[in-house]
Protein backbone atom coordinates (compact mmCIF):
# COMPACT_ATOMS: atom_id res chain seq x y z
CA MET A 1 4.59 29.55 -33.90
CA PRO A 2 5.98 26.45 -32.13
CA ARG A 3 3.71 24.66 -29.69
CA THR A 4 4.82 24.72 -26.10
CA ARG A 5 4.34 21.71 -23.94
CA LYS A 6 2.34 22.07 -20.75
CA PRO A 7 4.52 21.52 -17.72
CA THR A 8 3.59 18.33 -15.91
CA THR A 9 2.87 18.62 -12.23
CA THR A 10 5.26 16.61 -10.13
CA LEU A 11 4.57 15.60 -6.60
CA GLY A 12 7.09 15.15 -3.84
CA ALA A 13 10.67 16.21 -3.42
CA LYS A 14 13.34 15.12 -5.87
CA ALA A 15 15.45 12.47 -4.11
CA HIS A 16 17.69 9.48 -4.62
CA PHE A 17 16.14 6.06 -4.03
CA PRO A 18 16.14 5.82 -0.21
CA GLY A 19 16.19 2.04 0.20
CA PHE A 20 14.26 0.48 3.07
CA ILE A 21 12.08 2.97 4.97
CA GLU A 22 11.20 2.24 8.59
CA PRO A 23 7.41 1.67 8.57
CA ALA A 24 4.96 3.62 10.72
CA LEU A 25 3.43 0.95 12.96
CA ALA A 26 -0.05 0.98 14.47
CA THR A 27 -0.62 1.81 18.14
CA LEU A 28 -3.63 0.41 19.98
CA ILE A 29 -5.85 3.12 21.49
CA GLU A 30 -8.98 3.00 23.64
CA LYS A 31 -11.20 5.52 21.83
CA PRO A 32 -11.55 5.99 18.04
CA VAL A 33 -10.15 9.24 16.68
CA SER A 34 -12.12 11.58 14.45
CA GLY A 35 -11.71 14.79 12.49
CA ASP A 36 -10.39 15.90 9.13
CA ARG A 37 -6.81 15.01 10.07
CA TRP A 38 -7.66 11.31 10.20
CA VAL A 39 -8.18 8.69 7.51
CA HIS A 40 -9.54 5.25 8.42
CA GLU A 41 -8.59 2.05 6.61
CA ILE A 42 -9.38 -1.62 7.05
CA LYS A 43 -6.76 -3.48 9.09
CA PHE A 44 -5.86 -6.65 7.18
CA ASP A 45 -4.47 -9.89 8.64
CA GLY A 46 -1.28 -10.47 6.71
CA TYR A 47 2.41 -9.68 6.43
CA ARG A 48 3.39 -6.00 6.30
CA VAL A 49 5.81 -5.48 3.42
CA GLN A 50 7.54 -2.85 1.34
CA VAL A 51 7.86 -3.49 -2.37
CA HIS A 52 10.88 -1.82 -3.96
CA ILE A 53 11.02 -1.36 -7.72
CA ALA A 54 14.34 0.02 -8.95
CA ASN A 55 16.80 -0.63 -11.78
CA ALA A 56 14.40 -3.13 -13.43
CA LYS A 57 14.43 -5.27 -10.26
CA VAL A 58 11.82 -5.91 -7.60
CA LYS A 59 12.49 -6.70 -3.96
CA VAL A 60 9.97 -7.41 -1.20
CA PHE A 61 11.01 -6.50 2.36
CA THR A 62 9.35 -7.39 5.67
CA ARG A 63 8.48 -4.63 8.12
CA ARG A 64 11.83 -5.25 9.83
CA GLY A 65 13.76 -4.87 6.57
CA HIS A 66 14.43 -8.54 5.76
CA ASP A 67 14.49 -9.40 2.06
CA TRP A 68 11.68 -11.93 1.55
CA THR A 69 11.50 -11.70 -2.23
CA HIS A 70 12.08 -15.47 -2.38
CA ARG A 71 9.03 -16.08 -0.14
CA PHE A 72 6.83 -13.60 -2.01
CA LYS A 73 7.81 -14.48 -5.59
CA LYS A 74 4.25 -13.92 -6.84
CA ILE A 75 4.12 -10.40 -5.37
CA ALA A 76 7.50 -9.58 -6.93
CA ALA A 77 6.38 -10.96 -10.29
CA ASP A 78 3.16 -8.92 -10.18
CA ALA A 79 5.07 -5.77 -9.19
CA TRP A 80 7.51 -6.21 -12.07
CA HIS A 81 4.62 -5.39 -14.46
CA ILE A 82 3.94 -1.97 -12.93
CA ASN A 83 5.07 0.66 -15.41
CA VAL A 84 7.34 2.81 -13.22
CA GLY A 85 11.02 3.60 -13.21
CA SER A 86 11.25 3.31 -9.44
CA ALA A 87 8.81 3.03 -6.55
CA ILE A 88 8.42 2.05 -2.92
CA ILE A 89 4.99 0.65 -2.10
CA ASP A 90 3.91 0.00 1.49
CA GLY A 91 1.29 -2.70 1.93
CA GLU A 92 0.10 -6.00 3.35
CA VAL A 93 0.42 -9.43 1.75
CA VAL A 94 -2.86 -11.30 2.28
CA VAL A 95 -4.95 -14.17 1.01
CA PRO A 96 -8.46 -12.77 0.40
CA SER A 97 -11.39 -15.09 1.02
CA VAL A 98 -14.54 -15.15 -1.09
CA ASP A 99 -16.23 -12.59 1.18
CA GLY A 100 -13.18 -10.28 1.08
CA THR A 101 -11.95 -10.92 4.61
CA THR A 102 -8.41 -12.06 5.37
CA ASP A 103 -7.05 -14.69 7.76
CA PHE A 104 -3.41 -14.83 8.84
CA SER A 105 -3.43 -18.61 9.35
CA VAL A 106 -4.65 -19.10 5.76
CA LEU A 107 -1.75 -16.91 4.58
CA GLN A 108 0.75 -18.96 6.59
CA ASN A 109 -0.59 -22.19 5.09
CA GLU A 110 -0.48 -20.68 1.60
CA LEU A 111 3.18 -19.75 2.05
CA LYS A 112 4.04 -23.40 2.71
CA GLY A 113 3.17 -24.16 -0.92
CA ARG A 114 3.55 -22.18 -4.13
CA SER A 115 1.63 -19.12 -2.90
CA LYS A 116 -0.72 -18.75 -5.88
CA LYS A 117 -3.48 -16.95 -3.95
CA ILE A 118 -1.47 -14.22 -2.23
CA VAL A 119 -1.98 -10.58 -3.21
CA LEU A 120 -0.62 -7.28 -2.05
CA VAL A 121 -3.06 -4.75 -0.67
CA SER A 122 -1.11 -1.53 -0.98
CA PHE A 123 -1.92 1.33 1.31
CA ASP A 124 0.82 3.86 0.67
CA LEU A 125 3.15 5.00 -2.08
CA LEU A 126 6.29 6.38 -0.45
CA TYR A 127 8.53 6.99 -3.46
CA LEU A 128 7.88 7.26 -7.19
CA ASN A 129 10.22 7.88 -10.14
CA GLY A 130 12.88 9.89 -8.31
CA ARG A 131 10.48 11.67 -5.96
CA ASP A 132 10.06 11.17 -2.22
CA LEU A 133 6.32 11.40 -1.54
CA ARG A 134 6.41 11.08 2.26
CA LYS A 135 5.96 14.82 2.86
CA LEU A 136 2.63 14.78 1.00
CA PRO A 137 -0.66 14.17 2.80
CA LEU A 138 -1.72 10.51 2.80
CA LEU A 139 -4.72 11.10 0.50
CA ALA A 140 -2.48 12.81 -2.09
CA ARG A 141 -0.15 9.79 -2.00
CA LYS A 142 -3.17 7.51 -2.45
CA ASP A 143 -4.27 9.53 -5.51
CA GLU A 144 -0.80 9.18 -7.02
CA GLN A 145 -0.85 5.47 -6.15
CA LEU A 146 -4.15 5.00 -7.95
CA LEU A 147 -2.81 6.71 -11.07
CA CYS A 148 0.37 4.63 -10.97
CA MET A 149 -1.38 1.29 -10.58
CA ALA A 150 -4.54 1.88 -12.57
CA ALA A 151 -2.49 1.87 -15.75
CA GLU A 152 -1.38 -1.71 -15.09
CA LYS A 153 -4.22 -4.08 -15.97
CA LYS A 154 -2.39 -7.40 -15.50
CA SER A 155 -1.12 -6.80 -12.01
CA LEU A 156 -2.91 -7.96 -8.90
CA LEU A 157 -1.23 -5.08 -7.12
CA ARG A 158 -4.17 -2.90 -8.16
CA ARG A 159 -5.78 -3.79 -4.85
CA ILE A 160 -5.49 -0.59 -2.89
CA ALA A 161 -6.65 -0.06 0.66
CA VAL A 162 -9.57 2.33 0.41
CA ALA A 163 -9.69 5.23 2.82
CA LEU A 164 -12.94 5.36 4.78
CA ASN A 165 -13.32 9.11 5.34
CA ARG A 166 -16.16 9.07 7.81
CA SER A 167 -16.89 9.56 11.48
CA PRO A 168 -15.79 6.70 13.79
CA GLY A 169 -19.43 5.56 14.13
CA ALA A 170 -19.92 5.40 10.36
CA VAL A 171 -16.60 3.59 9.94
CA LYS A 172 -17.61 1.04 12.58
CA ALA A 173 -20.96 0.43 10.86
CA ARG A 174 -19.19 -0.07 7.51
CA LEU A 175 -16.69 -2.49 9.07
CA VAL A 176 -19.54 -4.55 10.57
CA ARG A 177 -21.22 -4.77 7.14
CA LEU A 178 -17.91 -5.88 5.62
CA LYS A 179 -17.33 -8.44 8.43
CA VAL A 180 -14.05 -6.76 9.31
CA LEU A 181 -12.84 -6.79 12.88
CA ARG A 182 -10.33 -3.93 12.91
CA ALA A 183 -9.52 -0.61 11.32
CA ALA A 184 -6.47 1.64 11.38
CA ALA A 185 -6.66 5.41 11.71
CA LYS A 186 -3.88 7.34 9.98
CA LYS A 187 -3.07 11.03 10.01
CA ASN A 188 -3.68 12.69 6.67
CA VAL A 189 -0.37 14.56 6.96
CA GLU A 190 3.20 13.87 5.93
CA ARG A 191 4.87 10.75 7.23
């Protein structure tokens, strides 16, 4: 009797590569939000970017859609090693300090030279191998992102923004311990 292959589970809707996707930008609020609908992440001081991997090429776009691959050559080179056919990764280009914090002025100074210390902290995977993942909850996209990037051991793109699923008070206490000034709350629903 011939062996049958188990069907692989695929996430997201089948779709053509969408190109640049308008990013969801943060809005300043007075009171922290809480509840199961919300996921909290550290707010980094860096450049918001989208990394596009398609047709064996990598491009790095700013949050306004400008192609800055030439300015972020190291990020593009690191992304080229990720073993995917196509992907759109949303993240922040930063220069991490020894204690893990980030400083925008350090990043600006680093970009004046050869940019050896910059890394991408990715916080969302919007598209992967012919599938649009934006309709999935954020935590499901993060799981898929971890699987996608964990396989690549050389790449510095393995730095993934960790979701802090806790009450606002617990998140604030964790941020103080980490010496982080800001956090972003995101809905754990489709984008």
